[in-house]
Amino acid sequence: MKKILIIGGGPAGATAARFLAENFDVTLIQDKDWDKPCGGGVKSKIFHQFDIPTDTIKHILNTVIIEYKNKKTKIDLQGQNLAIVLRDEFDKTLRNLAEKNGAKLIYGNFKGFEEEKAVIKINNEKILFDYDILIAADGVNSSVRKTLNLAGVPKIITHYARIEEYPVKTCEFFFDRKLGGDYYAWAFPHVNKTHIGGSVGETFDALCEYLNIKVKPKGYFIPTWQENITIQKENIYFVGDAAGQVMPLSFEGIYYAMHSAKILADAIKNNSDYKNEWDKRFLKEFKLMKKLEKAMKKPFLRDLMIKAQNIKKIQSLSVNMWLGKTIL
């Protein structure tokens, strides 16, 4: 039976482990349990699609709010609700599902390759793991990519904080350039706190001033997808943030990490081309959203696109694009 070693137990790695463990000898390496800096928003339909227990859902939202030039627009998600999860709980649940399917979960850290084997540090001891296939699901700063001297995933740095002073009932997105820079700033409801994020530097300071709060934020990187990112090198595959599989403009990662992992698992099972299968499923959507992302950096087009959301037909089209139902 083929041995598959997966580095990283987040949504991508845990999902790949879950579906591959049905057919292969799968070992999942997770560095530690932690609550990743993340808004924790994911399309609620993923719980049905992947048969995930819903007890990790903290909020179900059927609307979101976009704010621009001191005007708020409520966006109706048309029944395709947004779920808010705590990443620590959610990721643990996904790893538990992988274990139930037969994957072996080991806590350790990838340290490189020796003798054509992966070096994993476990409790200060370096152990060599043999594998037929290695899957790198180890995030935007992928150690596997660095070890193989592959180009890093394009990324931007953002600031993030958890606060109590600005309670929200739904997700709010701030599109003023002075608050969100080239992209946007955000505030998501969570358990007893609000999670906020935005661009590093003056724009995040401006956001805090706008919300009338003072925080010491943490910085972290978000992948920015590009079509030419390497997602396979011989028998080593990349998935999730390690492959840059985050939707442009919306920067939604969880949903696409899990679906990309399922595509990869099916490609391995069927001995088909992973990149080709991923392209067939997502390339048109990602390329379209990349074009819109670039357009949003131009003040005139940003102004036009945001104001157009007050038109119901345009708003409905935008929601369908986000849901992957409409490709222009």
C-alpha atoms as a PDB file:
ATOM      1  CA  MET A   1       0.000   0.000   0.000  1.00  0.00           C
ATOM      2  CA  LYS A   2       1.332   3.440  -0.931  1.00  0.00           C
ATOM      3  CA  LYS A   3       2.556   5.605   1.918  1.00  0.00           C
ATOM      4  CA  ILE A   4       1.356   9.198   1.871  1.00  0.00           C
ATOM      5  CA  LEU A   5       2.881  11.769   4.214  1.00  0.00           C
ATOM      6  CA  ILE A   6       0.986  15.029   4.698  1.00  0.00           C
ATOM      7  CA  ILE A   7       2.689  18.039   6.255  1.00  0.00           C
ATOM      8  CA  GLY A   8       0.165  20.379   7.876  1.00  0.00           C
ATOM      9  CA  GLY A   9      -3.133  19.523   9.550  1.00  0.00           C
ATOM     10  CA  GLY A  10      -5.234  22.563   8.677  1.00  0.00           C
ATOM     11  CA  PRO A  11      -8.310  22.412   6.407  1.00  0.00           C
ATOM     12  CA  ALA A  12      -6.292  21.372   3.332  1.00  0.00           C
ATOM     13  CA  GLY A  13      -4.058  18.778   4.981  1.00  0.00           C
ATOM     14  CA  ALA A  14      -6.768  17.285   7.177  1.00  0.00           C
ATOM     15  CA  THR A  15      -9.202  17.014   4.259  1.00  0.00           C
ATOM     16  CA  ALA A  16      -6.609  15.364   2.009  1.00  0.00           C
ATOM     17  CA  ALA A  17      -5.772  12.919   4.822  1.00  0.00           C
ATOM     18  CA  ARG A  18      -9.425  12.103   5.389  1.00  0.00           C
ATOM     19  CA  PHE A  19     -10.141  11.097   1.805  1.00  0.00           C
ATOM     20  CA  LEU A  20      -6.804   9.463   1.037  1.00  0.00           C
ATOM     21  CA  ALA A  21      -6.887   7.304   4.186  1.00  0.00           C
ATOM     22  CA  GLU A  22      -9.706   5.316   2.591  1.00  0.00           C
ATOM     23  CA  ASN A  23      -7.209   3.853   0.097  1.00  0.00           C
ATOM     24  CA  PHE A  24      -3.666   4.500   1.353  1.00  0.00           C
ATOM     25  CA  ASP A  25      -1.398   4.420   4.385  1.00  0.00           C
ATOM     26  CA  VAL A  26      -1.663   8.071   5.443  1.00  0.00           C
ATOM     27  CA  THR A  27       0.330   9.923   8.098  1.00  0.00           C
ATOM     28  CA  LEU A  28      -0.682  13.488   8.953  1.00  0.00           C
ATOM     29  CA  ILE A  29       1.922  15.734  10.590  1.00  0.00           C
ATOM     30  CA  GLN A  30       0.561  18.628  12.646  1.00  0.00           C
ATOM     31  CA  ASP A  31       2.889  21.060  14.395  1.00  0.00           C
ATOM     32  CA  LYS A  32       0.556  21.996  17.282  1.00  0.00           C
ATOM     33  CA  ASP A  33      -3.035  22.893  18.116  1.00  0.00           C
ATOM     34  CA  TRP A  34      -3.535  26.615  17.746  1.00  0.00           C
ATOM     35  CA  ASP A  35      -6.142  29.160  16.744  1.00  0.00           C
ATOM     36  CA  LYS A  36      -4.844  30.580  13.479  1.00  0.00           C
ATOM     37  CA  PRO A  37      -5.267  34.339  12.967  1.00  0.00           C
ATOM     38  CA  CYS A  38      -8.306  34.193  10.711  1.00  0.00           C
ATOM     39  CA  GLY A  39     -11.772  35.687  10.397  1.00  0.00           C
ATOM     40  CA  GLY A  40     -13.133  32.152  10.392  1.00  0.00           C
ATOM     41  CA  GLY A  41     -15.769  32.782   7.738  1.00  0.00           C
ATOM     42  CA  VAL A  42     -16.707  29.913   5.436  1.00  0.00           C
ATOM     43  CA  LYS A  43     -19.648  29.140   3.164  1.00  0.00           C
ATOM     44  CA  SER A  44     -22.053  27.152   5.334  1.00  0.00           C
ATOM     45  CA  LYS A  45     -22.758  24.674   2.534  1.00  0.00           C
ATOM     46  CA  ILE A  46     -19.342  23.124   3.133  1.00  0.00           C
ATOM     47  CA  PHE A  47     -20.676  21.416   6.270  1.00  0.00           C
ATOM     48  CA  HIS A  48     -23.136  19.452   4.144  1.00  0.00           C
ATOM     49  CA  GLN A  49     -20.729  18.933   1.267  1.00  0.00           C
ATOM     50  CA  PHE A  50     -18.081  17.405   3.536  1.00  0.00           C
ATOM     51  CA  ASP A  51     -20.370  15.951   6.205  1.00  0.00           C
ATOM     52  CA  ILE A  52     -18.799  18.032   8.985  1.00  0.00           C
ATOM     53  CA  PRO A  53     -20.430  18.270  12.447  1.00  0.00           C
ATOM     54  CA  THR A  54     -22.050  21.678  12.830  1.00  0.00           C
ATOM     55  CA  ASP A  55     -21.266  22.131  16.523  1.00  0.00           C
ATOM     56  CA  THR A  56     -18.199  24.188  15.564  1.00  0.00           C
ATOM     57  CA  ILE A  57     -20.397  26.901  14.011  1.00  0.00           C
ATOM     58  CA  LYS A  58     -20.540  29.991  16.228  1.00  0.00           C
ATOM     59  CA  HIS A  59     -22.736  32.136  13.985  1.00  0.00           C
ATOM     60  CA  ILE A  60     -24.818  31.673  10.851  1.00  0.00           C
ATOM     61  CA  LEU A  61     -25.139  34.869   8.841  1.00  0.00           C
ATOM     62  CA  ASN A  62     -27.550  35.480   5.975  1.00  0.00           C
ATOM     63  CA  THR A  63     -26.369  39.013   5.272  1.00  0.00           C
ATOM     64  CA  VAL A  64     -23.087  40.927   5.322  1.00  0.00           C
ATOM     65  CA  ILE A  65     -22.433  44.655   5.300  1.00  0.00           C
ATOM     66  CA  ILE A  66     -20.060  46.604   3.093  1.00  0.00           C
ATOM     67  CA  GLU A  67     -19.171  50.114   4.160  1.00  0.00           C
ATOM     68  CA  TYR A  68     -17.799  52.742   1.817  1.00  0.00           C
ATOM     69  CA  LYS A  69     -17.602  56.508   2.198  1.00  0.00           C
ATOM     70  CA  ASN A  70     -19.645  56.345   5.427  1.00  0.00           C
ATOM     71  CA  LYS A  71     -22.479  54.482   3.718  1.00  0.00           C
ATOM     72  CA  LYS A  72     -23.458  50.942   4.628  1.00  0.00           C
ATOM     73  CA  THR A  73     -24.973  48.483   2.168  1.00  0.00           C
ATOM     74  CA  LYS A  74     -26.540  45.251   3.358  1.00  0.00           C
ATOM     75  CA  ILE A  75     -25.795  42.307   1.065  1.00  0.00           C
ATOM     76  CA  ASP A  76     -28.367  39.505   1.044  1.00  0.00           C
ATOM     77  CA  LEU A  77     -26.584  36.157   0.649  1.00  0.00           C
ATOM     78  CA  GLN A  78     -29.706  34.650  -0.894  1.00  0.00           C
ATOM     79  CA  GLY A  79     -29.954  31.710   1.471  1.00  0.00           C
ATOM     80  CA  GLN A  80     -26.321  30.669   0.947  1.00  0.00           C
ATOM     81  CA  ASN A  81     -25.318  31.545   4.469  1.00  0.00           C
ATOM     82  CA  LEU A  82     -21.924  32.345   5.888  1.00  0.00           C
ATOM     83  CA  ALA A  83     -20.761  30.314   8.884  1.00  0.00           C
ATOM     84  CA  ILE A  84     -18.305  31.647  11.456  1.00  0.00           C
ATOM     85  CA  VAL A  85     -16.010  29.124  13.139  1.00  0.00           C
ATOM     86  CA  LEU A  86     -13.105  29.208  15.550  1.00  0.00           C
ATOM     87  CA  ARG A  87     -10.197  27.775  13.620  1.00  0.00           C
ATOM     88  CA  ASP A  88      -8.798  25.823  16.563  1.00  0.00           C
ATOM     89  CA  GLU A  89     -12.050  23.874  17.020  1.00  0.00           C
ATOM     90  CA  PHE A  90     -12.809  23.583  13.317  1.00  0.00           C
ATOM     91  CA  ASP A  91      -9.365  22.294  12.346  1.00  0.00           C
ATOM     92  CA  LYS A  92      -9.380  19.771  15.218  1.00  0.00           C
ATOM     93  CA  THR A  93     -12.727  18.467  13.972  1.00  0.00           C
ATOM     94  CA  LEU A  94     -11.309  17.977  10.480  1.00  0.00           C
ATOM     95  CA  ARG A  95      -8.303  16.121  11.877  1.00  0.00           C
ATOM     96  CA  ASN A  96     -10.614  13.916  13.944  1.00  0.00           C
ATOM     97  CA  LEU A  97     -12.524  13.010  10.781  1.00  0.00           C
ATOM     98  CA  ALA A  98      -9.240  12.094   9.105  1.00  0.00           C
ATOM     99  CA  GLU A  99      -8.304   9.858  12.040  1.00  0.00           C
ATOM    100  CA  LYS A 100     -11.693   8.141  11.932  1.00  0.00           C
ATOM    101  CA  ASN A 101     -10.976   7.254   8.306  1.00  0.00           C
ATOM    102  CA  GLY A 102      -7.672   5.682   9.303  1.00  0.00           C
ATOM    103  CA  ALA A 103      -5.111   8.474   9.038  1.00  0.00           C
ATOM    104  CA  LYS A 104      -2.369   8.496  11.666  1.00  0.00           C
ATOM    105  CA  LEU A 105      -1.993  11.898  13.354  1.00  0.00           C
ATOM    106  CA  ILE A 106       1.473  12.785  14.654  1.00  0.00           C
ATOM    107  CA  TYR A 107       2.519  16.062  16.249  1.00  0.00           C
ATOM    108  CA  GLY A 108       5.863  17.242  14.911  1.00  0.00           C
ATOM    109  CA  ASN A 109       7.664  19.642  12.601  1.00  0.00           C
ATOM    110  CA  PHE A 110       9.006  19.138   9.097  1.00  0.00           C
ATOM    111  CA  LYS A 111      12.768  19.803   9.026  1.00  0.00           C
ATOM    112  CA  GLY A 112      13.797  18.820   5.509  1.00  0.00           C
ATOM    113  CA  PHE A 113      14.864  15.723   3.590  1.00  0.00           C
ATOM    114  CA  GLU A 114      17.571  13.115   4.188  1.00  0.00           C
ATOM    115  CA  GLU A 115      18.185   9.916   2.256  1.00  0.00           C
ATOM    116  CA  GLU A 116      15.048  10.616   0.153  1.00  0.00           C
ATOM    117  CA  LYS A 117      12.976  10.644   3.332  1.00  0.00           C
ATOM    118  CA  ALA A 118      11.249  13.447   5.229  1.00  0.00           C
ATOM    119  CA  VAL A 119      12.818  14.577   8.484  1.00  0.00           C
ATOM    120  CA  ILE A 120      10.221  15.195  11.195  1.00  0.00           C
ATOM    121  CA  LYS A 121      11.189  16.583  14.586  1.00  0.00           C
ATOM    122  CA  ILE A 122       9.090  14.964  17.335  1.00  0.00           C
ATOM    123  CA  ASN A 123       9.786  15.859  20.981  1.00  0.00           C
ATOM    124  CA  ASN A 124      13.294  17.108  20.118  1.00  0.00           C
ATOM    125  CA  GLU A 125      14.069  13.899  18.224  1.00  0.00           C
ATOM    126  CA  LYS A 126      14.519  13.839  14.456  1.00  0.00           C
ATOM    127  CA  ILE A 127      12.817  10.873  12.791  1.00  0.00           C
ATOM    128  CA  LEU A 128      12.980   9.895   9.106  1.00  0.00           C
ATOM    129  CA  PHE A 129       9.657   9.156   7.426  1.00  0.00           C
ATOM    130  CA  ASP A 130       9.499   7.158   4.231  1.00  0.00           C
ATOM    131  CA  TYR A 131       6.817   8.107   1.688  1.00  0.00           C
ATOM    132  CA  ASP A 132       5.668   7.399  -1.829  1.00  0.00           C
ATOM    133  CA  ILE A 133       3.803  10.706  -2.016  1.00  0.00           C
ATOM    134  CA  LEU A 134       4.294  13.820   0.093  1.00  0.00           C
ATOM    135  CA  ILE A 135       1.620  16.510   0.341  1.00  0.00           C
ATOM    136  CA  ALA A 136       2.673  19.929   1.564  1.00  0.00           C
ATOM    137  CA  ALA A 137      -0.239  21.652   3.252  1.00  0.00           C
ATOM    138  CA  ASP A 138       2.035  23.692   5.476  1.00  0.00           C
ATOM    139  CA  GLY A 139       0.739  27.168   4.812  1.00  0.00           C
ATOM    140  CA  VAL A 140       1.747  30.313   3.003  1.00  0.00           C
ATOM    141  CA  ASN A 141       5.306  30.125   4.379  1.00  0.00           C
ATOM    142  CA  SER A 142       5.635  26.485   3.322  1.00  0.00           C
ATOM    143  CA  SER A 143       8.835  24.920   4.667  1.00  0.00           C
ATOM    144  CA  VAL A 144       8.579  22.220   2.012  1.00  0.00           C
ATOM    145  CA  ARG A 145       8.641  24.830  -0.767  1.00  0.00           C
ATOM    146  CA  LYS A 146      11.692  26.471   0.794  1.00  0.00           C
ATOM    147  CA  THR A 147      13.507  23.153   1.185  1.00  0.00           C
ATOM    148  CA  LEU A 148      12.903  22.363  -2.496  1.00  0.00           C
ATOM    149  CA  ASN A 149      14.076  25.870  -3.503  1.00  0.00           C
ATOM    150  CA  LEU A 150      10.733  26.576  -5.162  1.00  0.00           C
ATOM    151  CA  ALA A 151       9.487  30.122  -5.554  1.00  0.00           C
ATOM    152  CA  GLY A 152       7.448  31.172  -2.551  1.00  0.00           C
ATOM    153  CA  VAL A 153       3.722  31.767  -2.719  1.00  0.00           C
ATOM    154  CA  PRO A 154       2.961  35.456  -3.459  1.00  0.00           C
ATOM    155  CA  LYS A 155       1.547  37.046  -0.315  1.00  0.00           C
ATOM    156  CA  ILE A 156       0.593  40.219   1.483  1.00  0.00           C
ATOM    157  CA  ILE A 157       0.975  40.978   5.151  1.00  0.00           C
ATOM    158  CA  THR A 158      -1.997  42.055   7.202  1.00  0.00           C
ATOM    159  CA  HIS A 159      -2.746  43.038  10.772  1.00  0.00           C
ATOM    160  CA  TYR A 160      -5.218  41.199  12.966  1.00  0.00           C
ATOM    161  CA  ALA A 161      -6.699  41.574  16.454  1.00  0.00           C
ATOM    162  CA  ARG A 162      -9.488  40.331  18.695  1.00  0.00           C
ATOM    163  CA  ILE A 163     -11.430  43.088  20.426  1.00  0.00           C
ATOM    164  CA  GLU A 164     -14.465  43.627  22.660  1.00  0.00           C
ATOM    165  CA  GLU A 165     -14.982  47.340  22.072  1.00  0.00           C
ATOM    166  CA  TYR A 166     -16.671  47.056  18.667  1.00  0.00           C
ATOM    167  CA  PRO A 167     -19.395  44.369  18.808  1.00  0.00           C
ATOM    168  CA  VAL A 168     -20.885  43.353  15.453  1.00  0.00           C
ATOM    169  CA  LYS A 169     -23.784  41.078  14.564  1.00  0.00           C
ATOM    170  CA  THR A 170     -22.634  40.243  11.065  1.00  0.00           C
ATOM    171  CA  CYS A 171     -19.496  40.542   8.920  1.00  0.00           C
ATOM    172  CA  GLU A 172     -18.580  44.091   8.004  1.00  0.00           C
ATOM    173  CA  PHE A 173     -16.209  44.987   5.174  1.00  0.00           C
ATOM    174  CA  PHE A 174     -14.624  48.449   4.938  1.00  0.00           C
ATOM    175  CA  PHE A 175     -13.647  49.404   1.405  1.00  0.00           C
ATOM    176  CA  ASP A 176     -12.364  52.945   1.921  1.00  0.00           C
ATOM    177  CA  ARG A 177      -8.732  52.980   0.844  1.00  0.00           C
ATOM    178  CA  LYS A 178      -7.706  54.879   3.971  1.00  0.00           C
ATOM    179  CA  LEU A 179      -9.076  51.983   6.074  1.00  0.00           C
ATOM    180  CA  GLY A 180      -8.320  48.937   3.941  1.00  0.00           C
ATOM    181  CA  GLY A 181      -5.601  49.928   1.501  1.00  0.00           C
ATOM    182  CA  ASP A 182      -5.712  48.228  -1.893  1.00  0.00           C
ATOM    183  CA  TYR A 183      -8.096  45.566  -0.598  1.00  0.00           C
ATOM    184  CA  TYR A 184     -10.419  45.974   2.398  1.00  0.00           C
ATOM    185  CA  ALA A 185     -10.566  45.858   6.174  1.00  0.00           C
ATOM    186  CA  TRP A 186     -13.020  43.681   8.053  1.00  0.00           C
ATOM    187  CA  ALA A 187     -14.783  42.963  11.344  1.00  0.00           C
ATOM    188  CA  PHE A 188     -16.277  39.514  12.009  1.00  0.00           C
ATOM    189  CA  PRO A 189     -18.417  38.431  14.978  1.00  0.00           C
ATOM    190  CA  HIS A 190     -17.027  35.671  17.190  1.00  0.00           C
ATOM    191  CA  VAL A 191     -17.524  34.344  20.709  1.00  0.00           C
ATOM    192  CA  ASN A 192     -17.749  37.405  22.975  1.00  0.00           C
ATOM    193  CA  LYS A 193     -15.308  39.251  20.742  1.00  0.00           C
ATOM    194  CA  THR A 194     -14.966  40.762  17.301  1.00  0.00           C
ATOM    195  CA  HIS A 195     -12.123  39.753  14.998  1.00  0.00           C
ATOM    196  CA  ILE A 196     -10.771  42.654  12.939  1.00  0.00           C
ATOM    197  CA  GLY A 197      -8.144  42.758  10.221  1.00  0.00           C
ATOM    198  CA  GLY A 198      -6.685  44.982   7.579  1.00  0.00           C
ATOM    199  CA  SER A 199      -3.564  46.256   5.893  1.00  0.00           C
ATOM    200  CA  VAL A 200      -0.424  46.806   7.933  1.00  0.00           C
ATOM    201  CA  GLY A 201       0.593  50.352   8.813  1.00  0.00           C
ATOM    202  CA  GLU A 202      -1.288  53.608   8.494  1.00  0.00           C
ATOM    203  CA  THR A 203      -4.467  52.035   7.132  1.00  0.00           C
ATOM    204  CA  PHE A 204      -4.818  49.683  10.114  1.00  0.00           C
ATOM    205  CA  ASP A 205      -4.158  52.612  12.453  1.00  0.00           C
ATOM    206  CA  ALA A 206      -6.867  54.534  10.609  1.00  0.00           C
ATOM    207  CA  LEU A 207      -9.245  51.573  10.985  1.00  0.00           C
ATOM    208  CA  CYS A 208      -8.646  51.457  14.735  1.00  0.00           C
ATOM    209  CA  GLU A 209      -9.221  55.206  14.972  1.00  0.00           C
ATOM    210  CA  TYR A 210     -12.403  54.843  12.912  1.00  0.00           C
ATOM    211  CA  LEU A 211     -13.665  52.091  15.237  1.00  0.00           C
ATOM    212  CA  ASN A 212     -12.528  54.091  18.284  1.00  0.00           C
ATOM    213  CA  ILE A 213     -10.306  51.313  19.632  1.00  0.00           C
ATOM    214  CA  LYS A 214      -6.675  50.810  20.636  1.00  0.00           C
ATOM    215  CA  VAL A 215      -5.028  47.423  20.084  1.00  0.00           C
ATOM    216  CA  LYS A 216      -1.638  45.809  19.604  1.00  0.00           C
ATOM    217  CA  PRO A 217      -2.255  43.769  16.463  1.00  0.00           C
ATOM    218  CA  LYS A 218      -0.467  40.674  15.250  1.00  0.00           C
ATOM    219  CA  GLY A 219       0.827  40.373  11.707  1.00  0.00           C
ATOM    220  CA  TYR A 220       0.352  37.416   9.393  1.00  0.00           C
ATOM    221  CA  PHE A 221       0.532  36.649   5.688  1.00  0.00           C
ATOM    222  CA  ILE A 222      -2.300  35.938   3.257  1.00  0.00           C
ATOM    223  CA  PRO A 223      -1.593  34.238  -0.098  1.00  0.00           C
ATOM    224  CA  THR A 224      -2.373  36.131  -3.280  1.00  0.00           C
ATOM    225  CA  TRP A 225      -3.162  33.608  -5.981  1.00  0.00           C
ATOM    226  CA  GLN A 226      -1.347  33.636  -9.324  1.00  0.00           C
ATOM    227  CA  GLU A 227      -1.833  31.229 -12.192  1.00  0.00           C
ATOM    228  CA  ASN A 228       1.819  30.177 -12.410  1.00  0.00           C
ATOM    229  CA  ILE A 229       2.294  28.921  -8.828  1.00  0.00           C
ATOM    230  CA  THR A 230       3.929  25.485  -8.782  1.00  0.00           C
ATOM    231  CA  ILE A 231       1.561  22.977  -7.149  1.00  0.00           C
ATOM    232  CA  GLN A 232       3.447  19.751  -7.971  1.00  0.00           C
ATOM    233  CA  LYS A 233       7.051  18.662  -8.237  1.00  0.00           C
ATOM    234  CA  GLU A 234       7.334  14.967  -9.109  1.00  0.00           C
ATOM    235  CA  ASN A 235       5.767  13.065  -6.160  1.00  0.00           C
ATOM    236  CA  ILE A 236       5.402  16.153  -3.955  1.00  0.00           C
ATOM    237  CA  TYR A 237       2.140  18.099  -4.116  1.00  0.00           C
ATOM    238  CA  PHE A 238       1.093  21.457  -2.673  1.00  0.00           C
ATOM    239  CA  VAL A 239      -2.412  22.341  -1.545  1.00  0.00           C
ATOM    240  CA  GLY A 240      -4.261  25.114   0.299  1.00  0.00           C
ATOM    241  CA  ASP A 241      -2.265  28.175   1.328  1.00  0.00           C
ATOM    242  CA  ALA A 242       0.958  26.351   0.375  1.00  0.00           C
ATOM    243  CA  ALA A 243      -0.376  26.392  -3.209  1.00  0.00           C
ATOM    244  CA  GLY A 244      -1.810  29.912  -3.015  1.00  0.00           C
ATOM    245  CA  GLN A 245      -5.347  28.525  -3.391  1.00  0.00           C
ATOM    246  CA  VAL A 246      -7.080  31.507  -1.817  1.00  0.00           C
ATOM    247  CA  MET A 247      -9.787  33.251  -3.816  1.00  0.00           C
ATOM    248  CA  PRO A 248      -8.603  36.637  -5.152  1.00  0.00           C
ATOM    249  CA  LEU A 249     -10.437  39.735  -3.914  1.00  0.00           C
ATOM    250  CA  SER A 250     -12.492  37.916  -1.245  1.00  0.00           C
ATOM    251  CA  PHE A 251      -9.403  36.176   0.210  1.00  0.00           C
ATOM    252  CA  GLU A 252     -11.560  33.235   1.238  1.00  0.00           C
ATOM    253  CA  GLY A 253      -9.275  30.325   1.973  1.00  0.00           C
ATOM    254  CA  ILE A 254     -10.988  27.577   3.994  1.00  0.00           C
ATOM    255  CA  TYR A 255     -13.577  26.598   1.384  1.00  0.00           C
ATOM    256  CA  TYR A 256     -11.055  26.493  -1.458  1.00  0.00           C
ATOM    257  CA  ALA A 257      -8.405  24.713   0.624  1.00  0.00           C
ATOM    258  CA  MET A 258     -10.821  21.891   1.375  1.00  0.00           C
ATOM    259  CA  HIS A 259     -12.158  21.568  -2.158  1.00  0.00           C
ATOM    260  CA  SER A 260      -8.635  21.719  -3.581  1.00  0.00           C
ATOM    261  CA  ALA A 261      -7.615  18.950  -1.163  1.00  0.00           C
ATOM    262  CA  LYS A 262     -10.535  16.814  -2.357  1.00  0.00           C
ATOM    263  CA  ILE A 263      -9.481  17.428  -5.974  1.00  0.00           C
ATOM    264  CA  LEU A 264      -5.936  16.371  -5.083  1.00  0.00           C
ATOM    265  CA  ALA A 265      -7.118  13.247  -3.245  1.00  0.00           C
ATOM    266  CA  ASP A 266      -9.259  12.212  -6.210  1.00  0.00           C
ATOM    267  CA  ALA A 267      -6.387  12.879  -8.630  1.00  0.00           C
ATOM    268  CA  ILE A 268      -4.073  10.629  -6.606  1.00  0.00           C
ATOM    269  CA  LYS A 269      -6.702   7.902  -6.356  1.00  0.00           C
ATOM    270  CA  ASN A 270      -7.464   8.046 -10.080  1.00  0.00           C
ATOM    271  CA  ASN A 271      -3.886   8.655 -11.198  1.00  0.00           C
ATOM    272  CA  SER A 272      -5.012  11.814 -12.994  1.00  0.00           C
ATOM    273  CA  ASP A 273      -3.383  15.220 -13.402  1.00  0.00           C
ATOM    274  CA  TYR A 274      -3.891  17.315 -10.250  1.00  0.00           C
ATOM    275  CA  LYS A 275      -3.280  20.709 -11.870  1.00  0.00           C
ATOM    276  CA  ASN A 276      -5.498  19.907 -14.826  1.00  0.00           C
ATOM    277  CA  GLU A 277      -8.326  18.796 -12.516  1.00  0.00           C
ATOM    278  CA  TRP A 278      -7.926  21.907 -10.356  1.00  0.00           C
ATOM    279  CA  ASP A 279      -7.918  24.158 -13.417  1.00  0.00           C
ATOM    280  CA  LYS A 280     -11.125  22.566 -14.730  1.00  0.00           C
ATOM    281  CA  ARG A 281     -12.869  23.253 -11.422  1.00  0.00           C
ATOM    282  CA  PHE A 282     -11.554  26.655 -10.349  1.00  0.00           C
ATOM    283  CA  LEU A 283      -9.341  28.403 -12.910  1.00  0.00           C
ATOM    284  CA  LYS A 284     -12.088  30.470 -14.578  1.00  0.00           C
ATOM    285  CA  GLU A 285     -13.387  31.675 -11.208  1.00  0.00           C
ATOM    286  CA  PHE A 286      -9.950  32.584  -9.909  1.00  0.00           C
ATOM    287  CA  LYS A 287      -8.922  34.401 -13.095  1.00  0.00           C
ATOM    288  CA  LEU A 288     -12.126  36.429 -13.096  1.00  0.00           C
ATOM    289  CA  MET A 289     -11.767  37.365  -9.438  1.00  0.00           C
ATOM    290  CA  LYS A 290      -8.116  38.278 -10.047  1.00  0.00           C
ATOM    291  CA  LYS A 291      -9.212  40.740 -12.717  1.00  0.00           C
ATOM    292  CA  LEU A 292     -11.755  42.254 -10.337  1.00  0.00           C
ATOM    293  CA  GLU A 293      -9.121  42.412  -7.609  1.00  0.00           C
ATOM    294  CA  LYS A 294      -6.870  44.435  -9.911  1.00  0.00           C
ATOM    295  CA  ALA A 295      -9.779  46.672 -10.892  1.00  0.00           C
ATOM    296  CA  MET A 296     -10.491  47.428  -7.235  1.00  0.00           C
ATOM    297  CA  LYS A 297      -7.046  49.026  -6.920  1.00  0.00           C
ATOM    298  CA  LYS A 298      -8.137  51.779  -9.312  1.00  0.00           C
ATOM    299  CA  PRO A 299     -10.097  54.475  -7.408  1.00  0.00           C
ATOM    300  CA  PHE A 300     -12.638  55.111 -10.180  1.00  0.00           C
ATOM    301  CA  LEU A 301     -13.450  51.432 -10.676  1.00  0.00           C
ATOM    302  CA  ARG A 302     -13.555  50.786  -6.914  1.00  0.00           C
ATOM    303  CA  ASP A 303     -16.051  53.614  -6.530  1.00  0.00           C
ATOM    304  CA  LEU A 304     -18.164  52.277  -9.390  1.00  0.00           C
ATOM    305  CA  MET A 305     -18.092  48.643  -8.232  1.00  0.00           C
ATOM    306  CA  ILE A 306     -18.976  49.396  -4.608  1.00  0.00           C
ATOM    307  CA  LYS A 307     -21.768  51.821  -5.421  1.00  0.00           C
ATOM    308  CA  ALA A 308     -23.199  49.307  -7.923  1.00  0.00           C
ATOM    309  CA  GLN A 309     -23.934  46.954  -5.019  1.00  0.00           C
ATOM    310  CA  ASN A 310     -26.945  49.126  -4.208  1.00  0.00           C
ATOM    311  CA  ILE A 311     -28.530  47.835  -7.417  1.00  0.00           C
ATOM    312  CA  LYS A 312     -30.295  44.576  -6.594  1.00  0.00           C
ATOM    313  CA  LYS A 313     -29.451  42.828  -9.864  1.00  0.00           C
ATOM    314  CA  ILE A 314     -25.763  43.740  -9.519  1.00  0.00           C
ATOM    315  CA  GLN A 315     -25.776  42.654  -5.893  1.00  0.00           C
ATOM    316  CA  SER A 316     -27.361  39.331  -6.850  1.00  0.00           C
ATOM    317  CA  LEU A 317     -24.751  38.831  -9.585  1.00  0.00           C
ATOM    318  CA  SER A 318     -21.942  39.573  -7.118  1.00  0.00           C
ATOM    319  CA  VAL A 319     -23.289  37.034  -4.622  1.00  0.00           C
ATOM    320  CA  ASN A 320     -23.602  34.387  -7.348  1.00  0.00           C
ATOM    321  CA  MET A 321     -20.017  35.051  -8.418  1.00  0.00           C
ATOM    322  CA  TRP A 322     -18.861  34.642  -4.810  1.00  0.00           C
ATOM    323  CA  LEU A 323     -20.782  31.376  -4.599  1.00  0.00           C
ATOM    324  CA  GLY A 324     -19.242  30.167  -7.849  1.00  0.00           C
ATOM    325  CA  LYS A 325     -22.614  30.022  -9.591  1.00  0.00           C
ATOM    326  CA  THR A 326     -21.893  32.670 -12.224  1.00  0.00           C
ATOM    327  CA  ILE A 327     -18.788  33.047 -14.384  1.00  0.00           C
ATOM    328  CA  LEU A 328     -18.857  36.069 -16.681  1.00  0.00           C
END
